[in-house]
Amino acid sequence: MILVREALGSELRRRRLTQGRTLRDVSAHAKVSLGYLSEIERGEKEASSELLSSICLALGVPLSDLLLAIGEEIASLEATTQVRAAA
């Protein structure tokens, strides 16, 4: 099963690490607790649209870019799942 929260969390973590930023730094700029941001990145919690906007702003990433990236990842996972189901 494809979970949006897992794809979103992975993409947020990838972008944060690409920037060389710490959870503490991003959580402070996004005004979200470090623990909650960590849970979002691990796909354990679903972030509201307001919170996603704050995290994206802290990362300097347009929300639309983030959503496009996870859309592509989910499409790829769906294609893989459909190929397996057809076999």
N, C-alpha and C. Protein backbone atom coordinates (compact mmCIF):
# COMPACT_ATOMS: atom_id res chain seq x y z
N MET A 1 0.84 -1.17 0.00
CA MET A 1 0.00 0.00 0.00
C MET A 1 0.89 1.25 0.00
N ILE A 2 0.54 2.20 -0.82
CA ILE A 2 1.29 3.45 -0.92
C ILE A 2 0.70 4.45 0.05
N LEU A 3 1.53 4.99 0.93
CA LEU A 3 1.07 5.98 1.89
C LEU A 3 1.68 7.34 1.56
N VAL A 4 0.84 8.32 1.37
CA VAL A 4 1.30 9.66 1.02
C VAL A 4 2.20 10.22 2.11
N ARG A 5 1.85 9.96 3.37
CA ARG A 5 2.66 10.52 4.46
C ARG A 5 4.09 9.99 4.43
N GLU A 6 4.28 8.74 4.00
CA GLU A 6 5.64 8.19 3.91
C GLU A 6 6.42 8.83 2.76
N ALA A 7 5.77 8.99 1.62
CA ALA A 7 6.43 9.63 0.47
C ALA A 7 6.77 11.08 0.80
N LEU A 8 5.86 11.76 1.46
CA LEU A 8 6.07 13.15 1.84
C LEU A 8 7.22 13.27 2.83
N GLY A 9 7.22 12.43 3.83
CA GLY A 9 8.28 12.46 4.83
C GLY A 9 9.64 12.18 4.24
N SER A 10 9.72 11.20 3.34
CA SER A 10 10.99 10.87 2.69
C SER A 10 11.50 12.04 1.87
N GLU A 11 10.60 12.68 1.16
CA GLU A 11 11.01 13.82 0.32
C GLU A 11 11.45 15.01 1.16
N LEU A 12 10.75 15.26 2.25
CA LEU A 12 11.17 16.35 3.15
C LEU A 12 12.55 16.07 3.73
N ARG A 13 12.77 14.84 4.17
CA ARG A 13 14.07 14.47 4.72
C ARG A 13 15.16 14.59 3.68
N ARG A 14 14.89 14.11 2.46
CA ARG A 14 15.89 14.18 1.38
C ARG A 14 16.27 15.63 1.12
N ARG A 15 15.30 16.50 1.04
CA ARG A 15 15.58 17.91 0.77
C ARG A 15 16.34 18.57 1.92
N ARG A 16 15.97 18.23 3.13
CA ARG A 16 16.69 18.80 4.29
C ARG A 16 18.14 18.36 4.30
N LEU A 17 18.36 17.08 4.08
CA LEU A 17 19.73 16.56 4.08
C LEU A 17 20.55 17.09 2.91
N THR A 18 19.92 17.27 1.76
CA THR A 18 20.60 17.84 0.60
C THR A 18 21.11 19.24 0.93
N GLN A 19 20.37 19.96 1.73
CA GLN A 19 20.77 21.31 2.14
C GLN A 19 21.77 21.29 3.29
N GLY A 20 22.03 20.11 3.85
CA GLY A 20 22.95 20.01 4.97
C GLY A 20 22.39 20.60 6.25
N ARG A 21 21.08 20.57 6.40
CA ARG A 21 20.42 21.17 7.55
C ARG A 21 20.05 20.11 8.57
N THR A 22 19.98 20.51 9.81
CA THR A 22 19.59 19.60 10.89
C THR A 22 18.08 19.70 11.15
N LEU A 23 17.55 18.68 11.78
CA LEU A 23 16.16 18.72 12.21
C LEU A 23 15.92 19.92 13.12
N ARG A 24 16.85 20.15 14.01
CA ARG A 24 16.72 21.26 14.97
C ARG A 24 16.61 22.60 14.25
N ASP A 25 17.44 22.81 13.25
CA ASP A 25 17.44 24.06 12.50
C ASP A 25 16.11 24.25 11.77
N VAL A 26 15.67 23.24 11.04
CA VAL A 26 14.43 23.35 10.27
C VAL A 26 13.23 23.47 11.20
N SER A 27 13.22 22.72 12.28
CA SER A 27 12.08 22.79 13.20
C SER A 27 11.98 24.19 13.82
N ALA A 28 13.11 24.79 14.14
CA ALA A 28 13.09 26.15 14.71
C ALA A 28 12.56 27.15 13.70
N HIS A 29 13.00 27.06 12.45
CA HIS A 29 12.54 27.99 11.42
C HIS A 29 11.07 27.76 11.05
N ALA A 30 10.62 26.52 11.10
CA ALA A 30 9.23 26.20 10.76
C ALA A 30 8.30 26.38 11.95
N LYS A 31 8.87 26.60 13.13
CA LYS A 31 8.10 26.73 14.36
C LYS A 31 7.26 25.48 14.64
N VAL A 32 7.93 24.34 14.54
CA VAL A 32 7.31 23.04 14.84
C VAL A 32 8.28 22.30 15.75
N SER A 33 7.78 21.48 16.64
CA SER A 33 8.68 20.78 17.55
C SER A 33 9.59 19.82 16.77
N LEU A 34 10.78 19.66 17.27
CA LEU A 34 11.75 18.77 16.65
C LEU A 34 11.20 17.35 16.56
N GLY A 35 10.58 16.88 17.62
CA GLY A 35 10.03 15.53 17.64
C GLY A 35 8.93 15.33 16.61
N TYR A 36 8.07 16.34 16.47
CA TYR A 36 6.97 16.23 15.51
C TYR A 36 7.50 16.23 14.08
N LEU A 37 8.48 17.09 13.80
CA LEU A 37 9.09 17.12 12.47
C LEU A 37 9.75 15.78 12.17
N SER A 38 10.40 15.20 13.15
CA SER A 38 11.03 13.89 12.97
C SER A 38 9.98 12.83 12.64
N GLU A 39 8.85 12.87 13.33
CA GLU A 39 7.77 11.91 13.05
C GLU A 39 7.20 12.10 11.65
N ILE A 40 7.10 13.34 11.21
CA ILE A 40 6.62 13.62 9.85
C ILE A 40 7.60 13.04 8.84
N GLU A 41 8.89 13.29 9.04
CA GLU A 41 9.91 12.77 8.11
C GLU A 41 9.93 11.24 8.07
N ARG A 42 9.63 10.59 9.17
CA ARG A 42 9.60 9.13 9.20
C ARG A 42 8.29 8.56 8.69
N GLY A 43 7.36 9.44 8.33
CA GLY A 43 6.06 8.99 7.82
C GLY A 43 5.13 8.48 8.89
N GLU A 44 5.38 8.85 10.13
CA GLU A 44 4.55 8.39 11.24
C GLU A 44 3.38 9.33 11.52
N LYS A 45 3.52 10.59 11.14
CA LYS A 45 2.47 11.60 11.36
C LYS A 45 2.16 12.28 10.04
N GLU A 46 0.90 12.70 9.90
CA GLU A 46 0.48 13.45 8.72
C GLU A 46 0.46 14.93 9.10
N ALA A 47 1.09 15.73 8.27
CA ALA A 47 1.15 17.16 8.52
C ALA A 47 -0.03 17.87 7.86
N SER A 48 -0.54 18.89 8.52
CA SER A 48 -1.60 19.71 7.93
C SER A 48 -1.00 20.53 6.79
N SER A 49 -1.85 21.08 5.96
CA SER A 49 -1.36 21.92 4.87
C SER A 49 -0.64 23.16 5.41
N GLU A 50 -1.11 23.70 6.53
CA GLU A 50 -0.45 24.85 7.13
C GLU A 50 0.95 24.49 7.60
N LEU A 51 1.07 23.33 8.22
CA LEU A 51 2.37 22.90 8.71
C LEU A 51 3.32 22.60 7.55
N LEU A 52 2.80 21.96 6.50
CA LEU A 52 3.63 21.71 5.32
C LEU A 52 4.13 23.01 4.71
N SER A 53 3.28 24.00 4.67
CA SER A 53 3.69 25.31 4.15
C SER A 53 4.81 25.90 4.99
N SER A 54 4.71 25.77 6.30
CA SER A 54 5.75 26.29 7.21
C SER A 54 7.07 25.55 7.01
N ILE A 55 7.00 24.24 6.86
CA ILE A 55 8.21 23.44 6.67
C ILE A 55 8.85 23.79 5.32
N CYS A 56 8.03 23.91 4.29
CA CYS A 56 8.55 24.26 2.97
C CYS A 56 9.20 25.64 2.99
N LEU A 57 8.56 26.59 3.68
CA LEU A 57 9.13 27.92 3.80
C LEU A 57 10.49 27.86 4.51
N ALA A 58 10.56 27.08 5.57
CA ALA A 58 11.83 26.92 6.31
C ALA A 58 12.91 26.30 5.43
N LEU A 59 12.51 25.43 4.51
CA LEU A 59 13.47 24.78 3.61
C LEU A 59 13.74 25.60 2.35
N GLY A 60 12.94 26.65 2.15
CA GLY A 60 13.08 27.44 0.94
C GLY A 60 12.65 26.69 -0.30
N VAL A 61 11.64 25.83 -0.13
CA VAL A 61 11.14 24.98 -1.21
C VAL A 61 9.67 25.31 -1.44
N PRO A 62 9.28 25.62 -2.68
CA PRO A 62 7.86 25.84 -2.93
C PRO A 62 7.06 24.57 -2.64
N LEU A 63 5.92 24.73 -2.00
CA LEU A 63 5.06 23.59 -1.69
C LEU A 63 4.70 22.84 -2.96
N SER A 64 4.48 23.57 -4.05
CA SER A 64 4.12 22.91 -5.31
C SER A 64 5.23 21.99 -5.80
N ASP A 65 6.49 22.38 -5.62
CA ASP A 65 7.62 21.51 -6.01
C ASP A 65 7.63 20.23 -5.20
N LEU A 66 7.38 20.37 -3.90
CA LEU A 66 7.35 19.20 -3.03
C LEU A 66 6.23 18.24 -3.46
N LEU A 67 5.05 18.79 -3.71
CA LEU A 67 3.91 17.96 -4.10
C LEU A 67 4.13 17.30 -5.46
N LEU A 68 4.74 18.02 -6.39
CA LEU A 68 5.06 17.42 -7.70
C LEU A 68 6.03 16.25 -7.53
N ALA A 69 7.03 16.44 -6.69
CA ALA A 69 8.03 15.38 -6.47
C ALA A 69 7.39 14.13 -5.87
N ILE A 70 6.53 14.31 -4.88
CA ILE A 70 5.93 13.11 -4.30
C ILE A 70 4.90 12.50 -5.24
N GLY A 71 4.28 13.33 -6.07
CA GLY A 71 3.36 12.80 -7.07
C GLY A 71 4.08 11.88 -8.04
N GLU A 72 5.28 12.29 -8.46
CA GLU A 72 6.09 11.46 -9.36
C GLU A 72 6.53 10.17 -8.67
N GLU A 73 6.91 10.27 -7.40
CA GLU A 73 7.32 9.08 -6.66
C GLU A 73 6.16 8.11 -6.51
N ILE A 74 4.99 8.63 -6.19
CA ILE A 74 3.82 7.77 -6.03
C ILE A 74 3.45 7.12 -7.36
N ALA A 75 3.52 7.88 -8.46
CA ALA A 75 3.22 7.32 -9.78
C ALA A 75 4.17 6.18 -10.11
N SER A 76 5.43 6.34 -9.76
CA SER A 76 6.42 5.29 -10.00
C SER A 76 6.11 4.05 -9.16
N LEU A 77 5.75 4.24 -7.91
CA LEU A 77 5.40 3.13 -7.03
C LEU A 77 4.14 2.43 -7.52
N GLU A 78 3.17 3.20 -8.00
CA GLU A 78 1.95 2.60 -8.54
C GLU A 78 2.25 1.74 -9.76
N ALA A 79 3.12 2.24 -10.62
CA ALA A 79 3.47 1.49 -11.82
C ALA A 79 4.14 0.16 -11.45
N THR A 80 5.03 0.21 -10.47
CA THR A 80 5.71 -0.99 -10.00
C THR A 80 4.70 -1.97 -9.40
N THR A 81 3.77 -1.46 -8.61
CA THR A 81 2.74 -2.29 -7.98
C THR A 81 1.84 -2.93 -9.03
N GLN A 82 1.50 -2.18 -10.06
CA GLN A 82 0.63 -2.72 -11.12
C GLN A 82 1.33 -3.79 -11.93
N VAL A 83 2.63 -3.62 -12.17
CA VAL A 83 3.40 -4.63 -12.90
C VAL A 83 3.44 -5.92 -12.09
N ARG A 84 3.67 -5.82 -10.79
CA ARG A 84 3.72 -7.00 -9.92
C ARG A 84 2.37 -7.70 -9.87
N ALA A 85 1.29 -6.90 -9.81
CA ALA A 85 -0.06 -7.48 -9.73
C ALA A 85 -0.43 -8.20 -11.02
N ALA A 86 0.07 -7.71 -12.15
CA ALA A 86 -0.24 -8.33 -13.45
C ALA A 86 0.54 -9.62 -13.66
N ALA A 87 1.66 -9.77 -12.97
CA ALA A 87 2.51 -10.95 -13.15
C ALA A 87 1.96 -12.17 -12.48
